[in-house]
Amino acid sequence: FFLLYDGAPCHSPTALTLPENMMVKTLPPYCPELNPTEHLWDEIREKFFPNVVFQSLAAVENRLVEAVLYLENNPSIVQSITGFPWILKALAKS
């Protein structure tokens, strides 16, 4: 398993104990296309938050929970959004 982070100082895992089967990888600066999380947020914004005005923060939170549960129950969508061949190949070489 890999823990990917963007290298921002506030995201640096300074006191992190990792399991033996996990590695930390730092993404290059200014490369959101390499960050799988960015693709997930794009999907959530496009599918669950298009042109919507919410009446409360609770309504936003409920919609976000709905989006996350949808992605959790549809791993093939997550794979298609985040599992680009160049990412998988780069991780396999690490």
Protein backbone atom coordinates (compact mmCIF):
# COMPACT_ATOMS: atom_id res chain seq x y z
CA PHE A 1 0.00 0.00 0.00
CA PHE A 2 1.07 3.58 -0.66
CA LEU A 3 0.28 6.74 1.26
CA LEU A 4 0.45 9.55 -1.29
CA TYR A 5 0.71 13.17 -0.23
CA ASP A 6 1.33 16.40 -2.09
CA GLY A 7 4.43 17.46 -0.18
CA ALA A 8 2.90 20.55 1.42
CA PRO A 9 4.59 21.09 4.79
CA CYS A 10 1.26 20.92 6.60
CA HIS A 11 0.64 17.48 5.05
CA SER A 12 4.04 16.00 5.88
CA PRO A 13 3.80 12.83 7.96
CA THR A 14 6.37 13.79 10.60
CA ALA A 15 5.43 11.37 13.38
CA LEU A 16 3.73 8.65 11.42
CA THR A 17 4.22 4.97 12.15
CA LEU A 18 3.46 2.90 9.08
CA PRO A 19 2.65 -0.78 8.85
CA GLU A 20 5.32 -2.89 7.16
CA ASN A 21 3.24 -3.23 3.99
CA MET A 22 2.88 0.56 3.48
CA MET A 23 5.17 3.15 1.88
CA VAL A 24 4.98 6.96 1.75
CA LYS A 25 5.28 8.63 -1.66
CA THR A 26 5.50 12.38 -2.20
CA LEU A 27 3.84 13.74 -5.32
CA PRO A 28 5.74 16.34 -7.37
CA PRO A 29 4.69 19.96 -6.74
CA TYR A 30 1.96 21.48 -8.89
CA CYS A 31 0.84 18.17 -10.41
CA PRO A 32 -2.82 17.73 -9.43
CA GLU A 33 -3.30 15.38 -12.38
CA LEU A 34 -1.12 12.85 -10.56
CA ASN A 35 -3.11 13.07 -7.34
CA PRO A 36 -5.91 10.49 -7.36
CA THR A 37 -7.75 12.42 -4.65
CA GLU A 38 -8.17 15.38 -7.00
CA HIS A 39 -9.97 13.13 -9.48
CA LEU A 40 -12.31 11.86 -6.76
CA TRP A 41 -13.17 15.41 -5.68
CA ASP A 42 -13.85 16.34 -9.33
CA GLU A 43 -16.27 13.41 -9.59
CA ILE A 44 -18.00 14.39 -6.36
CA ARG A 45 -18.31 18.05 -7.42
CA GLU A 46 -19.64 17.19 -10.88
CA LYS A 47 -22.11 14.48 -9.86
CA PHE A 48 -23.33 15.62 -6.44
CA PHE A 49 -22.82 19.39 -6.26
CA PRO A 50 -23.64 20.84 -9.72
CA ASN A 51 -25.36 24.24 -9.52
CA VAL A 52 -26.81 23.54 -6.09
CA VAL A 53 -27.56 26.05 -3.36
CA PHE A 54 -27.86 24.37 0.01
CA GLN A 55 -30.05 25.71 2.79
CA SER A 56 -27.69 24.61 5.55
CA LEU A 57 -24.28 23.14 6.30
CA ALA A 58 -26.05 19.96 7.41
CA ALA A 59 -27.52 19.63 3.91
CA VAL A 60 -24.01 19.93 2.41
CA GLU A 61 -22.71 17.31 4.82
CA ASN A 62 -25.58 14.96 3.99
CA ARG A 63 -24.90 15.29 0.26
CA LEU A 64 -21.20 14.63 0.82
CA VAL A 65 -21.98 11.51 2.84
CA GLU A 66 -24.25 10.38 0.00
CA ALA A 67 -21.43 10.91 -2.50
CA VAL A 68 -18.84 9.05 -0.43
CA LEU A 69 -21.20 6.13 0.16
CA TYR A 70 -21.93 6.00 -3.56
CA LEU A 71 -18.22 5.79 -4.36
CA GLU A 72 -17.66 3.24 -1.60
CA ASN A 73 -20.38 1.02 -3.07
CA ASN A 74 -19.08 1.43 -6.63
CA PRO A 75 -15.38 0.55 -6.56
CA SER A 76 -15.28 0.23 -10.35
CA ILE A 77 -16.00 3.96 -10.60
CA VAL A 78 -13.20 4.74 -8.14
CA GLN A 79 -10.85 2.48 -10.12
CA SER A 80 -11.75 4.19 -13.40
CA ILE A 81 -11.19 7.65 -11.89
CA THR A 82 -7.96 6.96 -10.01
CA GLY A 83 -6.34 3.90 -11.57
CA PHE A 84 -4.74 5.49 -14.59
CA PRO A 85 -2.12 3.22 -16.19
CA TRP A 86 0.78 5.64 -15.65
CA ILE A 87 -0.06 5.94 -11.95
CA LEU A 88 -0.30 2.18 -11.50
CA LYS A 89 2.93 1.65 -13.44
CA ALA A 90 4.81 4.27 -11.41
CA LEU A 91 3.60 2.78 -8.15
CA ALA A 92 4.53 -0.73 -9.26
CA LYS A 93 8.12 0.42 -9.90
CA SER A 94 8.43 1.91 -6.42
